[in-house]
């Protein structure tokens, strides 16, 4: 009997679209292992992610070990929800390398939210989490937005779009 491989779920959406919230919901619904980039960055590199360049540096350091860990979990048959952004073609190619190398099923959740919705959520998040006031700014939203690439059908992901009417 062939061993079942777990499903990898991951998320695309503008800054403050609700990716982490949705990741937690999906992990709970599916009884999946949740791996959060924000949590790993906070625990491994406390107070070191202060700007976009430091985020890129430390996120890049995490990816090889996270990839290996996720593939290991998936091959046991457990589902994994990976709360790392899939907001650019290059980022999505990293996710593809995770599931394609082990022939695991996947689902890409695209949270299609308006800019205003995201900016409102960002303001709410700053109030609820004052430690993020320096990084979760409107200026950072627009900077991140300039890199955002909506997923296309040509990328051939198992795509689930949420929030678009």
C-alpha atoms as a PDB file:
ATOM      1  CA  UNK A   1       0.000   0.000   0.000  1.00  0.00           C
ATOM      2  CA  UNK A   2       1.403   3.387  -1.022  1.00  0.00           C
ATOM      3  CA  UNK A   3       2.037   5.862   1.735  1.00  0.00           C
ATOM      4  CA  UNK A   4      -0.203   8.939   1.656  1.00  0.00           C
ATOM      5  CA  UNK A   5       1.556  12.298   1.310  1.00  0.00           C
ATOM      6  CA  UNK A   6       0.161  15.299   3.172  1.00  0.00           C
ATOM      7  CA  UNK A   7      -1.177  18.442   1.503  1.00  0.00           C
ATOM      8  CA  UNK A   8       0.729  21.731   1.554  1.00  0.00           C
ATOM      9  CA  UNK A   9      -1.422  24.846   1.967  1.00  0.00           C
ATOM     10  CA  UNK A  10       0.031  28.321   1.465  1.00  0.00           C
ATOM     11  CA  UNK A  11      -1.146  31.895   0.956  1.00  0.00           C
ATOM     12  CA  UNK A  12      -0.928  34.872  -1.354  1.00  0.00           C
ATOM     13  CA  UNK A  13      -2.271  38.307  -0.526  1.00  0.00           C
ATOM     14  CA  UNK A  14      -1.224  41.878  -0.008  1.00  0.00           C
ATOM     15  CA  UNK A  15       0.215  42.973   3.313  1.00  0.00           C
ATOM     16  CA  UNK A  16      -2.545  42.779   5.976  1.00  0.00           C
ATOM     17  CA  UNK A  17      -4.909  40.814   3.708  1.00  0.00           C
ATOM     18  CA  UNK A  18      -5.381  38.241   6.475  1.00  0.00           C
ATOM     19  CA  UNK A  19      -2.956  35.522   5.417  1.00  0.00           C
ATOM     20  CA  UNK A  20      -1.838  34.590   8.945  1.00  0.00           C
ATOM     21  CA  UNK A  21      -5.393  34.588  10.269  1.00  0.00           C
ATOM     22  CA  UNK A  22      -6.529  32.383   7.406  1.00  0.00           C
ATOM     23  CA  UNK A  23      -3.513  30.101   7.860  1.00  0.00           C
ATOM     24  CA  UNK A  24      -4.475  29.513  11.498  1.00  0.00           C
ATOM     25  CA  UNK A  25      -8.068  28.748  10.472  1.00  0.00           C
ATOM     26  CA  UNK A  26      -7.031  26.274   7.786  1.00  0.00           C
ATOM     27  CA  UNK A  27      -4.541  24.557  10.109  1.00  0.00           C
ATOM     28  CA  UNK A  28      -7.216  24.149  12.745  1.00  0.00           C
ATOM     29  CA  UNK A  29      -9.840  22.909  10.256  1.00  0.00           C
ATOM     30  CA  UNK A  30      -7.455  20.386   8.692  1.00  0.00           C
ATOM     31  CA  UNK A  31      -5.632  19.471  11.902  1.00  0.00           C
ATOM     32  CA  UNK A  32      -2.458  20.399  10.062  1.00  0.00           C
ATOM     33  CA  UNK A  33       0.976  21.476  11.235  1.00  0.00           C
ATOM     34  CA  UNK A  34       1.210  25.285  11.079  1.00  0.00           C
ATOM     35  CA  UNK A  35       4.600  26.837  10.397  1.00  0.00           C
ATOM     36  CA  UNK A  36       4.702  30.631  10.677  1.00  0.00           C
ATOM     37  CA  UNK A  37       7.492  32.723   9.205  1.00  0.00           C
ATOM     38  CA  UNK A  38       6.718  35.611  11.569  1.00  0.00           C
ATOM     39  CA  UNK A  39       7.064  33.337  14.599  1.00  0.00           C
ATOM     40  CA  UNK A  40      10.323  31.789  13.403  1.00  0.00           C
ATOM     41  CA  UNK A  41      11.789  35.206  12.579  1.00  0.00           C
ATOM     42  CA  UNK A  42      10.742  36.560  15.972  1.00  0.00           C
ATOM     43  CA  UNK A  43      12.193  33.599  17.891  1.00  0.00           C
ATOM     44  CA  UNK A  44      15.404  33.107  15.906  1.00  0.00           C
ATOM     45  CA  UNK A  45      16.217  36.747  15.139  1.00  0.00           C
ATOM     46  CA  UNK A  46      14.569  38.830  17.891  1.00  0.00           C
ATOM     47  CA  UNK A  47      14.364  42.550  17.094  1.00  0.00           C
ATOM     48  CA  UNK A  48      16.546  42.106  13.998  1.00  0.00           C
ATOM     49  CA  UNK A  49      13.851  42.398  11.325  1.00  0.00           C
ATOM     50  CA  UNK A  50      13.381  46.152  11.134  1.00  0.00           C
ATOM     51  CA  UNK A  51      13.118  46.897   7.420  1.00  0.00           C
ATOM     52  CA  UNK A  52      12.557  45.208   4.091  1.00  0.00           C
ATOM     53  CA  UNK A  53      16.227  44.367   3.521  1.00  0.00           C
ATOM     54  CA  UNK A  54      16.617  42.710   6.940  1.00  0.00           C
ATOM     55  CA  UNK A  55      13.362  40.796   6.387  1.00  0.00           C
ATOM     56  CA  UNK A  56      14.701  39.467   3.071  1.00  0.00           C
ATOM     57  CA  UNK A  57      18.027  38.517   4.650  1.00  0.00           C
ATOM     58  CA  UNK A  58      16.553  36.585   7.561  1.00  0.00           C
ATOM     59  CA  UNK A  59      13.700  35.058   5.584  1.00  0.00           C
ATOM     60  CA  UNK A  60      16.228  33.752   3.050  1.00  0.00           C
ATOM     61  CA  UNK A  61      18.162  32.106   5.886  1.00  0.00           C
ATOM     62  CA  UNK A  62      15.044  30.244   7.047  1.00  0.00           C
ATOM     63  CA  UNK A  63      13.921  28.831   3.718  1.00  0.00           C
ATOM     64  CA  UNK A  64      16.312  25.879   3.212  1.00  0.00           C
ATOM     65  CA  UNK A  65      15.663  24.407   6.651  1.00  0.00           C
ATOM     66  CA  UNK A  66      11.925  25.106   6.479  1.00  0.00           C
ATOM     67  CA  UNK A  67      11.747  23.417   3.074  1.00  0.00           C
ATOM     68  CA  UNK A  68      13.461  20.313   4.419  1.00  0.00           C
ATOM     69  CA  UNK A  69      11.234  20.269   7.511  1.00  0.00           C
ATOM     70  CA  UNK A  70       8.013  20.715   5.515  1.00  0.00           C
ATOM     71  CA  UNK A  71       8.944  17.961   3.067  1.00  0.00           C
ATOM     72  CA  UNK A  72       9.725  15.665   5.975  1.00  0.00           C
ATOM     73  CA  UNK A  73       6.358  16.352   7.614  1.00  0.00           C
ATOM     74  CA  UNK A  74       4.435  15.971   4.347  1.00  0.00           C
ATOM     75  CA  UNK A  75       6.035  12.590   3.627  1.00  0.00           C
ATOM     76  CA  UNK A  76       4.705  11.286   6.960  1.00  0.00           C
ATOM     77  CA  UNK A  77       1.196  11.943   5.650  1.00  0.00           C
ATOM     78  CA  UNK A  78       0.551  15.025   7.771  1.00  0.00           C
ATOM     79  CA  UNK A  79      -0.783  18.202   6.203  1.00  0.00           C
ATOM     80  CA  UNK A  80       1.220  21.416   6.514  1.00  0.00           C
ATOM     81  CA  UNK A  81      -0.011  25.000   6.463  1.00  0.00           C
ATOM     82  CA  UNK A  82       2.895  27.240   5.620  1.00  0.00           C
ATOM     83  CA  UNK A  83       2.380  30.846   6.692  1.00  0.00           C
ATOM     84  CA  UNK A  84       5.111  32.333   4.505  1.00  0.00           C
ATOM     85  CA  UNK A  85       4.098  34.805   1.783  1.00  0.00           C
ATOM     86  CA  UNK A  86       3.566  33.565  -1.763  1.00  0.00           C
ATOM     87  CA  UNK A  87       3.236  37.107  -3.102  1.00  0.00           C
ATOM     88  CA  UNK A  88       5.647  37.001  -6.034  1.00  0.00           C
ATOM     89  CA  UNK A  89       6.362  34.515  -8.791  1.00  0.00           C
ATOM     90  CA  UNK A  90       9.771  33.780  -7.214  1.00  0.00           C
ATOM     91  CA  UNK A  91       8.219  33.152  -3.800  1.00  0.00           C
ATOM     92  CA  UNK A  92       5.623  30.849  -5.360  1.00  0.00           C
ATOM     93  CA  UNK A  93       8.387  28.970  -7.178  1.00  0.00           C
ATOM     94  CA  UNK A  94       9.936  28.217  -3.773  1.00  0.00           C
ATOM     95  CA  UNK A  95       6.624  26.692  -2.643  1.00  0.00           C
ATOM     96  CA  UNK A  96       6.448  24.745  -5.918  1.00  0.00           C
ATOM     97  CA  UNK A  97       9.907  23.293  -5.210  1.00  0.00           C
ATOM     98  CA  UNK A  98       8.658  22.061  -1.837  1.00  0.00           C
ATOM     99  CA  UNK A  99       5.642  20.139  -3.090  1.00  0.00           C
ATOM    100  CA  UNK A 100       6.840  19.172  -6.596  1.00  0.00           C
ATOM    101  CA  UNK A 101      10.026  17.449  -5.409  1.00  0.00           C
ATOM    102  CA  UNK A 102       7.990  15.001  -3.326  1.00  0.00           C
ATOM    103  CA  UNK A 103       4.833  14.959  -5.502  1.00  0.00           C
ATOM    104  CA  UNK A 104       2.687  16.341  -2.681  1.00  0.00           C
ATOM    105  CA  UNK A 105      -0.740  17.842  -3.285  1.00  0.00           C
ATOM    106  CA  UNK A 106      -1.048  21.553  -2.619  1.00  0.00           C
ATOM    107  CA  UNK A 107      -3.494  24.429  -2.374  1.00  0.00           C
ATOM    108  CA  UNK A 108      -2.668  28.093  -2.860  1.00  0.00           C
ATOM    109  CA  UNK A 109      -5.147  30.403  -1.159  1.00  0.00           C
ATOM    110  CA  UNK A 110      -5.251  33.833  -2.782  1.00  0.00           C
ATOM    111  CA  UNK A 111      -6.823  36.412  -0.466  1.00  0.00           C
ATOM    112  CA  UNK A 112      -7.969  39.009  -2.990  1.00  0.00           C
ATOM    113  CA  UNK A 113      -8.551  42.064  -0.801  1.00  0.00           C
ATOM    114  CA  UNK A 114      -8.778  45.740  -1.731  1.00  0.00           C
ATOM    115  CA  UNK A 115      -5.983  48.140  -0.831  1.00  0.00           C
ATOM    116  CA  UNK A 116      -8.327  49.971   1.528  1.00  0.00           C
ATOM    117  CA  UNK A 117      -9.305  46.762   3.318  1.00  0.00           C
ATOM    118  CA  UNK A 118      -5.613  45.974   3.859  1.00  0.00           C
ATOM    119  CA  UNK A 119      -4.783  49.497   5.050  1.00  0.00           C
ATOM    120  CA  UNK A 120      -7.687  49.367   7.519  1.00  0.00           C
ATOM    121  CA  UNK A 121      -6.475  45.981   8.791  1.00  0.00           C
ATOM    122  CA  UNK A 122      -2.951  47.359   9.106  1.00  0.00           C
ATOM    123  CA  UNK A 123      -4.170  50.229  11.291  1.00  0.00           C
ATOM    124  CA  UNK A 124      -6.107  47.791  13.479  1.00  0.00           C
ATOM    125  CA  UNK A 125      -3.052  45.537  13.777  1.00  0.00           C
ATOM    126  CA  UNK A 126      -0.814  48.431  14.857  1.00  0.00           C
ATOM    127  CA  UNK A 127      -3.219  49.221  17.690  1.00  0.00           C
ATOM    128  CA  UNK A 128      -3.506  45.595  18.788  1.00  0.00           C
ATOM    129  CA  UNK A 129       0.233  44.889  18.462  1.00  0.00           C
ATOM    130  CA  UNK A 130       2.172  48.057  19.338  1.00  0.00           C
ATOM    131  CA  UNK A 131       5.472  46.219  18.824  1.00  0.00           C
ATOM    132  CA  UNK A 132       4.694  46.251  15.081  1.00  0.00           C
ATOM    133  CA  UNK A 133       4.121  50.021  14.851  1.00  0.00           C
ATOM    134  CA  UNK A 134       7.521  50.603  13.217  1.00  0.00           C
ATOM    135  CA  UNK A 135       7.138  47.973  10.498  1.00  0.00           C
ATOM    136  CA  UNK A 136       3.399  47.882   9.835  1.00  0.00           C
ATOM    137  CA  UNK A 137       3.124  51.332   8.310  1.00  0.00           C
ATOM    138  CA  UNK A 138       1.239  52.638   5.307  1.00  0.00           C
ATOM    139  CA  UNK A 139       4.596  53.412   3.695  1.00  0.00           C
ATOM    140  CA  UNK A 140       5.667  49.768   4.151  1.00  0.00           C
ATOM    141  CA  UNK A 141       2.331  48.617   2.721  1.00  0.00           C
ATOM    142  CA  UNK A 142       2.934  50.579  -0.486  1.00  0.00           C
ATOM    143  CA  UNK A 143       6.542  49.412  -0.674  1.00  0.00           C
ATOM    144  CA  UNK A 144       5.459  45.775  -0.346  1.00  0.00           C
ATOM    145  CA  UNK A 145       2.559  46.375  -2.725  1.00  0.00           C
ATOM    146  CA  UNK A 146       5.032  47.413  -5.439  1.00  0.00           C
ATOM    147  CA  UNK A 147       6.438  43.856  -5.419  1.00  0.00           C
ATOM    148  CA  UNK A 148       3.075  42.061  -5.249  1.00  0.00           C
ATOM    149  CA  UNK A 149       2.255  39.786  -8.194  1.00  0.00           C
ATOM    150  CA  UNK A 150      -1.228  38.325  -8.384  1.00  0.00           C
ATOM    151  CA  UNK A 151      -1.130  34.587  -9.127  1.00  0.00           C
ATOM    152  CA  UNK A 152      -1.996  33.680 -12.701  1.00  0.00           C
ATOM    153  CA  UNK A 153      -3.594  30.585 -14.187  1.00  0.00           C
ATOM    154  CA  UNK A 154      -0.417  30.046 -16.226  1.00  0.00           C
ATOM    155  CA  UNK A 155       1.418  29.210 -12.990  1.00  0.00           C
ATOM    156  CA  UNK A 156      -0.745  26.052 -12.752  1.00  0.00           C
ATOM    157  CA  UNK A 157      -1.346  26.035  -9.018  1.00  0.00           C
ATOM    158  CA  UNK A 158      -4.335  24.487  -7.344  1.00  0.00           C
ATOM    159  CA  UNK A 159      -5.708  27.983  -6.681  1.00  0.00           C
ATOM    160  CA  UNK A 160      -8.504  28.955  -4.305  1.00  0.00           C
ATOM    161  CA  UNK A 161      -9.480  32.637  -4.563  1.00  0.00           C
ATOM    162  CA  UNK A 162     -11.163  34.219  -1.540  1.00  0.00           C
ATOM    163  CA  UNK A 163     -12.596  37.712  -1.264  1.00  0.00           C
ATOM    164  CA  UNK A 164     -13.218  38.623  -4.867  1.00  0.00           C
ATOM    165  CA  UNK A 165     -16.834  39.177  -5.889  1.00  0.00           C
END
